Amino acid sequence: MRGIVSLVVIPLAAGWLGTASAEEQTLIDRCWTPQVLAGTVSELKALRAHQKLDLEALKQETLPDISPVPQELRGSIRSVELPPGEKLIALTFDLCETSGDVAGYDGRIIDLLRAQRVKATFFAGGKWMETHEERAAQLIADPNFEVGGHGLRHLDMARLSGEALKDEIVLTEAAYVQARKSLLARQCAAPMETSTLPPDHLSLMRFPYGSCNAASLAAVADQGELAIQWDVVTGDPDPHRSAKAIADTILGKVHPGAIIVAHANGRGWHTADALAMAIPKLKEEGYGFVTVSELVAAGKPVIAAKCYLDQPGGTRRVAHLHRGQSHDMFGFFGPNH
C-alpha cells in the first residue's frame, strides 16, 4: 500500500512546489520534500520500550495565555448539528503512546490524506510528540491538518486528580508548544506571514480511552480546550477487522456533522486501505472533509455531560478492562457499538 500511495503523493506535491513562489509555499512545502514526507514501513510498528519523559523540561516551557472554554461549549462534544444542506464531516486519528511503549506512525494514512487533499484532525499524545519529533512537526506544519491533545502518557484521566490530572493536560500542551517552537526556529520557516503560522496552543483535547469525569472535563475546559469525543467508531485497532468492514462502518454510519475516530499510530491495522475505499465514495455522496474546529464552527455542537463510546458506560468498561495496555481498544466493539 505504501508504495502506491507514495507514488501518488510525489507528483502532486512536486506540482505544488513547481508552481508556487517561495512566499506562496506553505510551511510544510518549504521544510520537507515529498520524498521525506512519505511514510516508511519501519515507522509502522510500535516498540515495547520504557522511555522516560523529561518532565522538568516540559514544566519549564512557557505557555501562551489562554481563555477558558465558555460554559455553553463545556462537556463532551460528540458531533455537530449543521444547517440544512451542509454535508461536512471530520476524520480524526488518535496518536496514542503510553510510558511502556513507543508507538508507530502510519504514513500510509497521512500520505493518502495528502494525496486526496482531505482535511483531518490528529489527537497526539504528549509523549508521542516527544518521540516522533519530525513527524509531529510535519503534522503541525500541514495547513490541511489540525493537532489536538490526547494526554501526556495515555492515562485514564477519570482516575486522576490534582497535579497528576493537571500534568496530563498542561504538559501535553507544553509538548506541542515545544514542537511548534522547534519547527519555527528552522531556517525553512523564516520568514512566514503570521496568519499562516500554526496555532500557538492546543484548542482541542480527546480523553484517552474516551474516559472522563466532571473534574477532568472541567480541567480541560479551564485549559481552554474543547473536549472532543466521536459518534462513529471504526473499530480499527482490532487486527481481525478488515478494511472492507471498517469502510462499511464509516459509510453506513456517516451523517452530516459526524466525528469519526480512527488511529494513525500503527494500531489502525487496516485503516489506510479502508480510507482508500471510503473517501472516494464519501466525496461522491457530497461530503466535505473539515477539521474538528471547522466543523464545530459550522454548526451547533452536540454535547454530552459524560464521556462514553456509543452508549453511557461504554468507555468506562473499555478503560477498566484494558488499563495498562498500550492503545485504545475500540476494536473490541463491533459496528453496532
C-alpha atoms as a PDB file:
ATOM      1  CA  MET A   1       0.000   0.000   0.000  1.00  0.00           C
ATOM      2  CA  ARG A   2       2.734   2.443   0.948  1.00  0.00           C
ATOM      3  CA  GLY A   3       4.459   2.243  -2.405  1.00  0.00           C
ATOM      4  CA  ILE A   4       1.236   3.030  -4.242  1.00  0.00           C
ATOM      5  CA  VAL A   5       0.314   5.926  -2.002  1.00  0.00           C
ATOM      6  CA  SER A   6       3.793   7.431  -2.098  1.00  0.00           C
ATOM      7  CA  LEU A   7       3.789   7.402  -5.904  1.00  0.00           C
ATOM      8  CA  VAL A   8       0.556   9.399  -5.847  1.00  0.00           C
ATOM      9  CA  VAL A   9       1.792  11.944  -3.345  1.00  0.00           C
ATOM     10  CA  ILE A  10       5.080  12.812  -5.007  1.00  0.00           C
ATOM     11  CA  PRO A  11       3.794  14.238  -8.315  1.00  0.00           C
ATOM     12  CA  LEU A  12       1.034  16.186  -6.579  1.00  0.00           C
ATOM     13  CA  ALA A  13       3.373  17.793  -4.076  1.00  0.00           C
ATOM     14  CA  ALA A  14       6.035  18.305  -6.711  1.00  0.00           C
ATOM     15  CA  GLY A  15       3.460  20.122  -8.822  1.00  0.00           C
ATOM     16  CA  TRP A  16       2.639  22.497  -5.987  1.00  0.00           C
ATOM     17  CA  LEU A  17       6.298  23.244  -5.423  1.00  0.00           C
ATOM     18  CA  GLY A  18       6.862  23.845  -9.109  1.00  0.00           C
ATOM     19  CA  THR A  19       4.169  26.494  -9.428  1.00  0.00           C
ATOM     20  CA  ALA A  20       4.408  28.346  -6.120  1.00  0.00           C
ATOM     21  CA  SER A  21       6.855  31.098  -5.276  1.00  0.00           C
ATOM     22  CA  ALA A  22       8.821  30.950  -2.024  1.00  0.00           C
ATOM     23  CA  GLU A  23       6.366  33.407  -0.462  1.00  0.00           C
ATOM     24  CA  GLU A  24       3.334  31.360  -1.559  1.00  0.00           C
ATOM     25  CA  GLN A  25       4.631  27.979  -0.403  1.00  0.00           C
ATOM     26  CA  THR A  26       3.164  26.586   2.773  1.00  0.00           C
ATOM     27  CA  LEU A  27       5.367  25.825   5.732  1.00  0.00           C
ATOM     28  CA  ILE A  28       5.313  22.108   5.007  1.00  0.00           C
ATOM     29  CA  ASP A  29       6.337  22.636   1.367  1.00  0.00           C
ATOM     30  CA  ARG A  30       9.221  24.850   2.423  1.00  0.00           C
ATOM     31  CA  CYS A  31      10.618  22.482   5.034  1.00  0.00           C
ATOM     32  CA  TRP A  32      10.247  18.981   3.529  1.00  0.00           C
ATOM     33  CA  THR A  33      10.439  17.331   0.140  1.00  0.00           C
ATOM     34  CA  PRO A  34       7.661  14.920  -0.875  1.00  0.00           C
ATOM     35  CA  GLN A  35      10.122  12.038  -0.575  1.00  0.00           C
ATOM     36  CA  VAL A  36      10.908  12.923   3.036  1.00  0.00           C
ATOM     37  CA  LEU A  37       7.223  13.325   3.896  1.00  0.00           C
ATOM     38  CA  ALA A  38       6.331   9.861   2.581  1.00  0.00           C
ATOM     39  CA  GLY A  39       5.805   7.263   5.296  1.00  0.00           C
ATOM     40  CA  THR A  40       8.016   4.200   5.677  1.00  0.00           C
ATOM     41  CA  VAL A  41       7.245   0.630   6.669  1.00  0.00           C
ATOM     42  CA  SER A  42       9.755   0.767   9.530  1.00  0.00           C
ATOM     43  CA  GLU A  43       7.729   3.500  11.261  1.00  0.00           C
ATOM     44  CA  LEU A  44       4.548   1.461  11.453  1.00  0.00           C
ATOM     45  CA  LYS A  45       5.430  -0.937  14.233  1.00  0.00           C
ATOM     46  CA  ALA A  46       5.212   0.020  17.898  1.00  0.00           C
ATOM     47  CA  LEU A  47       8.107  -0.911  20.170  1.00  0.00           C
ATOM     48  CA  ARG A  48       7.932  -2.086  23.759  1.00  0.00           C
ATOM     49  CA  ALA A  49      10.259   0.375  25.429  1.00  0.00           C
ATOM     50  CA  HIS A  50      10.219   2.414  28.624  1.00  0.00           C
ATOM     51  CA  GLN A  51      11.348   5.867  27.551  1.00  0.00           C
ATOM     52  CA  LYS A  52      11.237   8.465  30.293  1.00  0.00           C
ATOM     53  CA  LEU A  53       9.970  11.924  29.524  1.00  0.00           C
ATOM     54  CA  ASP A  54      11.878  14.977  30.687  1.00  0.00           C
ATOM     55  CA  LEU A  55       9.001  16.266  32.766  1.00  0.00           C
ATOM     56  CA  GLU A  56      11.026  19.092  34.275  1.00  0.00           C
ATOM     57  CA  ALA A  57      11.852  20.472  30.834  1.00  0.00           C
ATOM     58  CA  LEU A  58       8.192  20.383  29.895  1.00  0.00           C
ATOM     59  CA  LYS A  59       7.256  22.108  33.141  1.00  0.00           C
ATOM     60  CA  GLN A  60       9.706  24.908  32.350  1.00  0.00           C
ATOM     61  CA  GLU A  61       8.158  25.572  28.932  1.00  0.00           C
ATOM     62  CA  THR A  62       6.472  28.973  28.688  1.00  0.00           C
ATOM     63  CA  LEU A  63       2.874  28.525  27.612  1.00  0.00           C
ATOM     64  CA  PRO A  64       0.746  31.150  25.820  1.00  0.00           C
ATOM     65  CA  ASP A  65      -2.075  32.890  27.639  1.00  0.00           C
ATOM     66  CA  ILE A  66      -5.366  31.077  27.133  1.00  0.00           C
ATOM     67  CA  SER A  67      -9.021  31.779  27.816  1.00  0.00           C
ATOM     68  CA  PRO A  68     -11.174  29.091  29.440  1.00  0.00           C
ATOM     69  CA  VAL A  69     -13.844  27.444  27.314  1.00  0.00           C
ATOM     70  CA  PRO A  70     -17.196  29.251  27.665  1.00  0.00           C
ATOM     71  CA  GLN A  71     -19.917  27.463  29.596  1.00  0.00           C
ATOM     72  CA  GLU A  72     -22.041  26.661  26.541  1.00  0.00           C
ATOM     73  CA  LEU A  73     -19.194  24.638  24.962  1.00  0.00           C
ATOM     74  CA  ARG A  74     -18.219  22.661  28.068  1.00  0.00           C
ATOM     75  CA  GLY A  75     -18.837  18.931  28.079  1.00  0.00           C
ATOM     76  CA  SER A  76     -18.052  16.082  25.694  1.00  0.00           C
ATOM     77  CA  ILE A  77     -18.605  17.089  22.049  1.00  0.00           C
ATOM     78  CA  ARG A  78     -19.814  14.067  20.075  1.00  0.00           C
ATOM     79  CA  SER A  79     -20.893  15.570  16.751  1.00  0.00           C
ATOM     80  CA  VAL A  80     -22.241  18.800  15.277  1.00  0.00           C
ATOM     81  CA  GLU A  81     -25.727  19.734  14.107  1.00  0.00           C
ATOM     82  CA  LEU A  82     -25.290  21.511  10.775  1.00  0.00           C
ATOM     83  CA  PRO A  83     -27.603  23.839   8.841  1.00  0.00           C
ATOM     84  CA  PRO A  84     -29.809  22.051   6.278  1.00  0.00           C
ATOM     85  CA  GLY A  85     -27.906  21.097   3.146  1.00  0.00           C
ATOM     86  CA  GLU A  86     -24.447  21.189   4.752  1.00  0.00           C
ATOM     87  CA  LYS A  87     -22.610  17.849   4.443  1.00  0.00           C
ATOM     88  CA  LEU A  88     -19.398  18.255   6.426  1.00  0.00           C
ATOM     89  CA  ILE A  89     -17.614  15.558   8.435  1.00  0.00           C
ATOM     90  CA  ALA A  90     -14.413  15.350  10.476  1.00  0.00           C
ATOM     91  CA  LEU A  91     -11.967  12.464  10.177  1.00  0.00           C
ATOM     92  CA  THR A  92      -9.984  12.164  13.411  1.00  0.00           C
ATOM     93  CA  PHE A  93      -6.988   9.999  14.246  1.00  0.00           C
ATOM     94  CA  ASP A  94      -5.541   9.228  17.658  1.00  0.00           C
ATOM     95  CA  LEU A  95      -1.771   9.117  18.142  1.00  0.00           C
ATOM     96  CA  CYS A  96      -1.620   7.279  21.472  1.00  0.00           C
ATOM     97  CA  GLU A  97       1.545   6.379  23.346  1.00  0.00           C
ATOM     98  CA  THR A  98       1.997   5.102  26.892  1.00  0.00           C
ATOM     99  CA  SER A  99       5.001   5.082  29.213  1.00  0.00           C
ATOM    100  CA  GLY A 100       5.674   1.474  28.276  1.00  0.00           C
ATOM    101  CA  ASP A 101       5.915   1.766  24.507  1.00  0.00           C
ATOM    102  CA  VAL A 102       6.976   3.885  21.557  1.00  0.00           C
ATOM    103  CA  ALA A 103       4.004   3.872  19.205  1.00  0.00           C
ATOM    104  CA  GLY A 104       4.200   3.936  15.444  1.00  0.00           C
ATOM    105  CA  TYR A 105       3.434   6.439  12.689  1.00  0.00           C
ATOM    106  CA  ASP A 106       1.126   5.225   9.932  1.00  0.00           C
ATOM    107  CA  GLY A 107       2.385   7.140   6.934  1.00  0.00           C
ATOM    108  CA  ARG A 108       0.013   5.214   4.677  1.00  0.00           C
ATOM    109  CA  ILE A 109      -2.885   7.166   6.201  1.00  0.00           C
ATOM    110  CA  ILE A 110      -1.210  10.578   6.149  1.00  0.00           C
ATOM    111  CA  ASP A 111       0.121  10.058   2.607  1.00  0.00           C
ATOM    112  CA  LEU A 112      -3.366   9.126   1.397  1.00  0.00           C
ATOM    113  CA  LEU A 113      -4.990  12.134   3.058  1.00  0.00           C
ATOM    114  CA  ARG A 114      -2.429  14.445   1.462  1.00  0.00           C
ATOM    115  CA  ALA A 115      -2.821  12.828  -1.958  1.00  0.00           C
ATOM    116  CA  GLN A 116      -6.611  13.160  -1.729  1.00  0.00           C
ATOM    117  CA  ARG A 117      -6.344  16.689  -0.239  1.00  0.00           C
ATOM    118  CA  VAL A 118      -8.525  15.622   2.673  1.00  0.00           C
ATOM    119  CA  LYS A 119      -8.509  17.640   5.883  1.00  0.00           C
ATOM    120  CA  ALA A 120      -8.189  15.778   9.192  1.00  0.00           C
ATOM    121  CA  THR A 121      -7.549  16.234  12.901  1.00  0.00           C
ATOM    122  CA  PHE A 122      -4.901  14.307  14.835  1.00  0.00           C
ATOM    123  CA  PHE A 123      -5.113  13.884  18.591  1.00  0.00           C
ATOM    124  CA  ALA A 124      -1.489  13.435  19.624  1.00  0.00           C
ATOM    125  CA  GLY A 125      -0.221  12.323  22.997  1.00  0.00           C
ATOM    126  CA  GLY A 126       2.474  14.497  24.531  1.00  0.00           C
ATOM    127  CA  LYS A 127       4.870  11.553  24.695  1.00  0.00           C
ATOM    128  CA  TRP A 128       4.109  10.672  21.064  1.00  0.00           C
ATOM    129  CA  MET A 129       5.101  14.201  20.019  1.00  0.00           C
ATOM    130  CA  GLU A 130       8.336  13.851  22.001  1.00  0.00           C
ATOM    131  CA  THR A 131       9.321  10.502  20.438  1.00  0.00           C
ATOM    132  CA  HIS A 132       8.176  11.456  16.921  1.00  0.00           C
ATOM    133  CA  GLU A 133       9.590  14.968  16.760  1.00  0.00           C
ATOM    134  CA  GLU A 134       9.924  15.167  12.975  1.00  0.00           C
ATOM    135  CA  ARG A 135       6.540  13.632  12.184  1.00  0.00           C
ATOM    136  CA  ALA A 136       4.854  15.813  14.799  1.00  0.00           C
ATOM    137  CA  ALA A 137       6.425  18.901  13.211  1.00  0.00           C
ATOM    138  CA  GLN A 138       5.123  17.828   9.792  1.00  0.00           C
ATOM    139  CA  LEU A 139       1.580  17.403  11.082  1.00  0.00           C
ATOM    140  CA  ILE A 140       1.729  20.775  12.843  1.00  0.00           C
ATOM    141  CA  ALA A 141       3.041  22.431   9.676  1.00  0.00           C
ATOM    142  CA  ASP A 142       0.429  20.960   7.321  1.00  0.00           C
ATOM    143  CA  PRO A 143      -2.363  23.513   6.687  1.00  0.00           C
ATOM    144  CA  ASN A 144      -4.867  20.725   5.976  1.00  0.00           C
ATOM    145  CA  PHE A 145      -4.297  19.119   9.362  1.00  0.00           C
ATOM    146  CA  GLU A 146      -5.180  20.126  12.892  1.00  0.00           C
ATOM    147  CA  VAL A 147      -3.432  18.820  16.006  1.00  0.00           C
ATOM    148  CA  GLY A 148      -5.225  18.339  19.316  1.00  0.00           C
ATOM    149  CA  GLY A 149      -4.054  16.841  22.605  1.00  0.00           C
ATOM    150  CA  HIS A 150      -4.534  13.238  23.748  1.00  0.00           C
ATOM    151  CA  GLY A 151      -2.996  13.283  27.215  1.00  0.00           C
ATOM    152  CA  LEU A 152       0.678  13.081  28.059  1.00  0.00           C
ATOM    153  CA  ARG A 153       1.031   9.319  28.632  1.00  0.00           C
ATOM    154  CA  HIS A 154      -2.400   7.970  27.695  1.00  0.00           C
ATOM    155  CA  LEU A 155      -3.676   7.613  31.236  1.00  0.00           C
ATOM    156  CA  ASP A 156      -7.321   7.271  32.230  1.00  0.00           C
ATOM    157  CA  MET A 157      -7.980  10.850  33.341  1.00  0.00           C
ATOM    158  CA  ALA A 158     -11.198   9.913  35.106  1.00  0.00           C
ATOM    159  CA  ARG A 159      -8.987   8.259  37.712  1.00  0.00           C
ATOM    160  CA  LEU A 160      -6.617  11.203  38.156  1.00  0.00           C
ATOM    161  CA  SER A 161      -6.872  14.308  40.296  1.00  0.00           C
ATOM    162  CA  GLY A 162      -4.795  17.264  41.435  1.00  0.00           C
ATOM    163  CA  GLU A 163      -1.318  17.685  39.942  1.00  0.00           C
ATOM    164  CA  ALA A 164      -1.444  14.320  38.151  1.00  0.00           C
ATOM    165  CA  LEU A 165      -4.522  15.392  36.194  1.00  0.00           C
ATOM    166  CA  LYS A 166      -3.106  18.843  35.551  1.00  0.00           C
ATOM    167  CA  ASP A 167       0.168  17.394  34.220  1.00  0.00           C
ATOM    168  CA  GLU A 168      -1.601  15.191  31.672  1.00  0.00           C
ATOM    169  CA  ILE A 169      -3.273  18.272  30.207  1.00  0.00           C
ATOM    170  CA  VAL A 170      -0.762  21.072  30.674  1.00  0.00           C
ATOM    171  CA  LEU A 171       2.367  19.067  29.820  1.00  0.00           C
ATOM    172  CA  THR A 172       0.735  17.830  26.623  1.00  0.00           C
ATOM    173  CA  GLU A 173       0.249  21.496  25.769  1.00  0.00           C
ATOM    174  CA  ALA A 174       3.916  22.067  26.638  1.00  0.00           C
ATOM    175  CA  ALA A 175       4.991  19.250  24.295  1.00  0.00           C
ATOM    176  CA  TYR A 176       3.009  20.874  21.472  1.00  0.00           C
ATOM    177  CA  VAL A 177       4.421  24.346  22.204  1.00  0.00           C
ATOM    178  CA  GLN A 178       7.919  22.876  22.284  1.00  0.00           C
ATOM    179  CA  ALA A 179       7.407  21.090  18.946  1.00  0.00           C
ATOM    180  CA  ARG A 180       5.990  24.229  17.332  1.00  0.00           C
ATOM    181  CA  LYS A 181       8.800  26.407  18.655  1.00  0.00           C
ATOM    182  CA  SER A 182      11.402  23.983  17.329  1.00  0.00           C
ATOM    183  CA  LEU A 183       9.661  23.960  13.940  1.00  0.00           C
ATOM    184  CA  LEU A 184       9.548  27.743  13.644  1.00  0.00           C
ATOM    185  CA  ALA A 185      13.215  28.006  14.639  1.00  0.00           C
ATOM    186  CA  ARG A 186      14.218  26.191  11.452  1.00  0.00           C
ATOM    187  CA  GLN A 187      15.689  28.243   8.647  1.00  0.00           C
ATOM    188  CA  CYS A 188      13.000  26.996   6.257  1.00  0.00           C
ATOM    189  CA  ALA A 189      10.306  28.572   8.446  1.00  0.00           C
ATOM    190  CA  ALA A 190      11.533  32.150   8.146  1.00  0.00           C
ATOM    191  CA  PRO A 191      10.148  34.485   7.103  1.00  0.00           C
ATOM    192  CA  MET A 192       6.488  33.428   7.271  1.00  0.00           C
ATOM    193  CA  GLU A 193       3.366  35.530   7.428  1.00  0.00           C
ATOM    194  CA  THR A 194       1.898  35.430  10.933  1.00  0.00           C
ATOM    195  CA  SER A 195      -1.501  34.474   9.520  1.00  0.00           C
ATOM    196  CA  THR A 196      -0.043  31.287   8.004  1.00  0.00           C
ATOM    197  CA  LEU A 197       1.714  30.060  11.143  1.00  0.00           C
ATOM    198  CA  PRO A 198       0.383  27.028  13.054  1.00  0.00           C
ATOM    199  CA  PRO A 199      -1.738  27.808  16.148  1.00  0.00           C
ATOM    200  CA  ASP A 200       0.377  28.738  19.157  1.00  0.00           C
ATOM    201  CA  HIS A 201      -1.577  26.444  21.503  1.00  0.00           C
ATOM    202  CA  LEU A 202      -3.861  23.423  21.535  1.00  0.00           C
ATOM    203  CA  SER A 203      -7.579  24.142  21.387  1.00  0.00           C
ATOM    204  CA  LEU A 204      -8.857  20.536  21.342  1.00  0.00           C
ATOM    205  CA  MET A 205      -8.462  17.534  23.613  1.00  0.00           C
ATOM    206  CA  ARG A 206      -9.545  13.910  23.329  1.00  0.00           C
ATOM    207  CA  PHE A 207      -9.515  11.847  26.502  1.00  0.00           C
ATOM    208  CA  PRO A 208      -7.534   8.593  26.373  1.00  0.00           C
ATOM    209  CA  TYR A 209      -9.968   5.665  26.179  1.00  0.00           C
ATOM    210  CA  GLY A 210     -12.648   8.342  25.762  1.00  0.00           C
ATOM    211  CA  SER A 211     -12.865   8.239  29.562  1.00  0.00           C
ATOM    212  CA  CYS A 212     -13.621  11.323  31.645  1.00  0.00           C
ATOM    213  CA  ASN A 213     -15.492  12.597  34.673  1.00  0.00           C
ATOM    214  CA  ALA A 214     -16.744  16.014  35.788  1.00  0.00           C
ATOM    215  CA  ALA A 215     -13.362  17.005  37.234  1.00  0.00           C
ATOM    216  CA  SER A 216     -11.364  16.115  34.117  1.00  0.00           C
ATOM    217  CA  LEU A 217     -13.919  17.769  31.824  1.00  0.00           C
ATOM    218  CA  ALA A 218     -13.644  20.955  33.887  1.00  0.00           C
ATOM    219  CA  ALA A 219      -9.842  20.811  33.948  1.00  0.00           C
ATOM    220  CA  VAL A 220      -9.641  20.528  30.155  1.00  0.00           C
ATOM    221  CA  ALA A 221     -12.141  23.364  29.653  1.00  0.00           C
ATOM    222  CA  ASP A 222     -10.251  25.580  32.102  1.00  0.00           C
ATOM    223  CA  GLN A 223      -7.149  24.994  29.987  1.00  0.00           C
ATOM    224  CA  GLY A 224      -9.032  26.428  27.007  1.00  0.00           C
ATOM    225  CA  GLU A 225      -9.509  23.124  25.186  1.00  0.00           C
ATOM    226  CA  LEU A 226     -12.746  21.652  23.820  1.00  0.00           C
ATOM    227  CA  ALA A 227     -13.288  18.024  24.829  1.00  0.00           C
ATOM    228  CA  ILE A 228     -13.861  16.100  21.598  1.00  0.00           C
ATOM    229  CA  GLN A 229     -15.397  12.637  21.575  1.00  0.00           C
ATOM    230  CA  TRP A 230     -16.876  10.967  18.466  1.00  0.00           C
ATOM    231  CA  ASP A 231     -20.039   9.366  17.179  1.00  0.00           C
ATOM    232  CA  VAL A 232     -18.684   6.996  14.510  1.00  0.00           C
ATOM    233  CA  VAL A 233     -16.311   4.284  15.779  1.00  0.00           C
ATOM    234  CA  THR A 234     -14.221   2.485  13.136  1.00  0.00           C
ATOM    235  CA  GLY A 235     -13.006  -0.299  15.461  1.00  0.00           C
ATOM    236  CA  ASP A 236      -9.668  -0.162  13.623  1.00  0.00           C
ATOM    237  CA  PRO A 237      -7.410  -1.376  16.483  1.00  0.00           C
ATOM    238  CA  ASP A 238      -8.885  -4.864  16.024  1.00  0.00           C
ATOM    239  CA  PRO A 239      -6.480  -6.720  13.667  1.00  0.00           C
ATOM    240  CA  HIS A 240      -9.320  -9.076  12.664  1.00  0.00           C
ATOM    241  CA  ARG A 241     -11.454  -6.230  11.389  1.00  0.00           C
ATOM    242  CA  SER A 242     -10.994  -5.997   7.624  1.00  0.00           C
ATOM    243  CA  ALA A 243     -10.601  -2.842   5.581  1.00  0.00           C
ATOM    244  CA  LYS A 244     -13.987  -3.507   3.995  1.00  0.00           C
ATOM    245  CA  ALA A 245     -15.652  -3.847   7.401  1.00  0.00           C
ATOM    246  CA  ILE A 246     -14.146  -0.529   8.519  1.00  0.00           C
ATOM    247  CA  ALA A 247     -15.135   1.202   5.273  1.00  0.00           C
ATOM    248  CA  ASP A 248     -18.665  -0.232   5.512  1.00  0.00           C
ATOM    249  CA  THR A 249     -18.973   1.068   9.085  1.00  0.00           C
ATOM    250  CA  ILE A 250     -17.887   4.563   8.041  1.00  0.00           C
ATOM    251  CA  LEU A 251     -20.204   4.626   5.030  1.00  0.00           C
ATOM    252  CA  GLY A 252     -23.100   3.093   6.951  1.00  0.00           C
ATOM    253  CA  LYS A 253     -22.932   5.385   9.974  1.00  0.00           C
ATOM    254  CA  VAL A 254     -21.717   8.665   8.466  1.00  0.00           C
ATOM    255  CA  HIS A 255     -24.036  11.672   8.596  1.00  0.00           C
ATOM    256  CA  PRO A 256     -23.615  15.441   8.262  1.00  0.00           C
ATOM    257  CA  GLY A 257     -21.686  16.659  11.301  1.00  0.00           C
ATOM    258  CA  ALA A 258     -20.171  13.258  12.148  1.00  0.00           C
ATOM    259  CA  ILE A 259     -16.886  12.926  14.020  1.00  0.00           C
ATOM    260  CA  ILE A 260     -15.165   9.677  13.003  1.00  0.00           C
ATOM    261  CA  VAL A 261     -12.493   8.127  15.235  1.00  0.00           C
ATOM    262  CA  ALA A 262      -9.601   6.002  13.963  1.00  0.00           C
ATOM    263  CA  HIS A 263      -5.895   5.514  14.740  1.00  0.00           C
ATOM    264  CA  ALA A 264      -2.705   6.575  12.935  1.00  0.00           C
ATOM    265  CA  ASN A 265      -0.151   5.274  15.441  1.00  0.00           C
ATOM    266  CA  GLY A 266       0.408   1.929  13.747  1.00  0.00           C
ATOM    267  CA  ARG A 267      -2.520   0.275  15.504  1.00  0.00           C
ATOM    268  CA  GLY A 268      -5.180   1.043  12.942  1.00  0.00           C
ATOM    269  CA  TRP A 269      -4.380  -2.216  11.211  1.00  0.00           C
ATOM    270  CA  HIS A 270      -6.421  -1.781   8.026  1.00  0.00           C
ATOM    271  CA  THR A 271      -7.340   1.878   8.283  1.00  0.00           C
ATOM    272  CA  ALA A 272      -5.396   3.144   5.269  1.00  0.00           C
ATOM    273  CA  ASP A 273      -6.965   0.567   2.942  1.00  0.00           C
ATOM    274  CA  ALA A 274     -10.401   1.313   4.414  1.00  0.00           C
ATOM    275  CA  LEU A 275      -9.985   5.045   3.814  1.00  0.00           C
ATOM    276  CA  ALA A 276      -8.901   4.373   0.230  1.00  0.00           C
ATOM    277  CA  MET A 277     -12.292   2.693  -0.247  1.00  0.00           C
ATOM    278  CA  ALA A 278     -14.403   5.119   1.778  1.00  0.00           C
ATOM    279  CA  ILE A 279     -13.065   8.565   0.840  1.00  0.00           C
ATOM    280  CA  PRO A 280     -13.976   8.438  -2.891  1.00  0.00           C
ATOM    281  CA  LYS A 281     -17.480   7.207  -2.026  1.00  0.00           C
ATOM    282  CA  LEU A 282     -17.935   9.910   0.620  1.00  0.00           C
ATOM    283  CA  LYS A 283     -16.934  12.514  -1.953  1.00  0.00           C
ATOM    284  CA  GLU A 284     -19.423  11.016  -4.433  1.00  0.00           C
ATOM    285  CA  GLU A 285     -22.133  11.383  -1.787  1.00  0.00           C
ATOM    286  CA  GLY A 286     -21.311  15.066  -1.491  1.00  0.00           C
ATOM    287  CA  TYR A 287     -19.467  15.051   1.821  1.00  0.00           C
ATOM    288  CA  GLY A 288     -16.780  17.613   2.515  1.00  0.00           C
ATOM    289  CA  PHE A 289     -13.899  16.991   4.910  1.00  0.00           C
ATOM    290  CA  VAL A 290     -13.038  19.615   7.526  1.00  0.00           C
ATOM    291  CA  THR A 291     -11.050  19.807  10.734  1.00  0.00           C
ATOM    292  CA  VAL A 292     -12.882  19.436  14.028  1.00  0.00           C
ATOM    293  CA  SER A 293     -12.543  23.158  14.764  1.00  0.00           C
ATOM    294  CA  GLU A 294     -14.056  23.982  11.389  1.00  0.00           C
ATOM    295  CA  LEU A 295     -16.894  21.516  11.981  1.00  0.00           C
ATOM    296  CA  VAL A 296     -17.676  22.997  15.402  1.00  0.00           C
ATOM    297  CA  ALA A 297     -17.684  26.499  13.911  1.00  0.00           C
ATOM    298  CA  ALA A 298     -20.077  25.417  11.142  1.00  0.00           C
ATOM    299  CA  GLY A 299     -22.994  24.464  13.393  1.00  0.00           C
ATOM    300  CA  LYS A 300     -24.207  23.604  16.880  1.00  0.00           C
ATOM    301  CA  PRO A 301     -22.076  21.054  18.772  1.00  0.00           C
ATOM    302  CA  VAL A 302     -23.895  18.065  20.252  1.00  0.00           C
ATOM    303  CA  ILE A 303     -22.588  17.997  23.822  1.00  0.00           C
ATOM    304  CA  ALA A 304     -22.973  15.263  26.437  1.00  0.00           C
ATOM    305  CA  ALA A 305     -22.365  15.726  30.150  1.00  0.00           C
ATOM    306  CA  LYS A 306     -20.351  12.481  30.245  1.00  0.00           C
ATOM    307  CA  CYS A 307     -17.918  10.610  28.029  1.00  0.00           C
ATOM    308  CA  TYR A 308     -18.919   7.287  26.502  1.00  0.00           C
ATOM    309  CA  LEU A 309     -18.246   5.109  23.474  1.00  0.00           C
ATOM    310  CA  ASP A 310     -21.667   4.716  21.873  1.00  0.00           C
ATOM    311  CA  GLN A 311     -23.848   4.486  24.950  1.00  0.00           C
ATOM    312  CA  PRO A 312     -23.442   5.576  28.586  1.00  0.00           C
ATOM    313  CA  GLY A 313     -20.948   3.392  30.463  1.00  0.00           C
ATOM    314  CA  GLY A 314     -19.228   2.061  27.353  1.00  0.00           C
ATOM    315  CA  THR A 315     -15.833   3.685  27.673  1.00  0.00           C
ATOM    316  CA  ARG A 316     -15.638   3.118  31.404  1.00  0.00           C
ATOM    317  CA  ARG A 317     -15.730  -0.618  30.664  1.00  0.00           C
ATOM    318  CA  VAL A 318     -13.030  -0.248  27.997  1.00  0.00           C
ATOM    319  CA  ALA A 319     -10.675   1.671  30.278  1.00  0.00           C
ATOM    320  CA  HIS A 320     -11.303  -0.755  33.138  1.00  0.00           C
ATOM    321  CA  LEU A 321     -10.712  -3.905  31.107  1.00  0.00           C
ATOM    322  CA  HIS A 322      -7.645  -2.712  29.273  1.00  0.00           C
ATOM    323  CA  ARG A 323      -5.795  -0.464  31.677  1.00  0.00           C
ATOM    324  CA  GLY A 324      -2.075  -0.805  31.225  1.00  0.00           C
ATOM    325  CA  GLN A 325      -2.319  -1.831  27.590  1.00  0.00           C
ATOM    326  CA  SER A 326      -0.799   0.420  25.016  1.00  0.00           C
ATOM    327  CA  HIS A 327      -3.700   1.761  22.983  1.00  0.00           C
ATOM    328  CA  ASP A 328      -7.406   2.407  22.801  1.00  0.00           C
ATOM    329  CA  MET A 329      -9.455  -0.751  22.420  1.00  0.00           C
ATOM    330  CA  PHE A 330     -12.283   0.444  20.210  1.00  0.00           C
ATOM    331  CA  GLY A 331     -11.678  -2.691  18.140  1.00  0.00           C
ATOM    332  CA  PHE A 332     -13.375  -4.822  20.786  1.00  0.00           C
ATOM    333  CA  PHE A 333     -16.673  -3.262  19.779  1.00  0.00           C
ATOM    334  CA  GLY A 334     -18.408  -4.253  16.593  1.00  0.00           C
ATOM    335  CA  PRO A 335     -20.096  -1.865  14.136  1.00  0.00           C
ATOM    336  CA  ASN A 336     -23.225  -1.719  16.285  1.00  0.00           C
ATOM    337  CA  HIS A 337     -21.354  -0.225  19.242  1.00  0.00           C
END
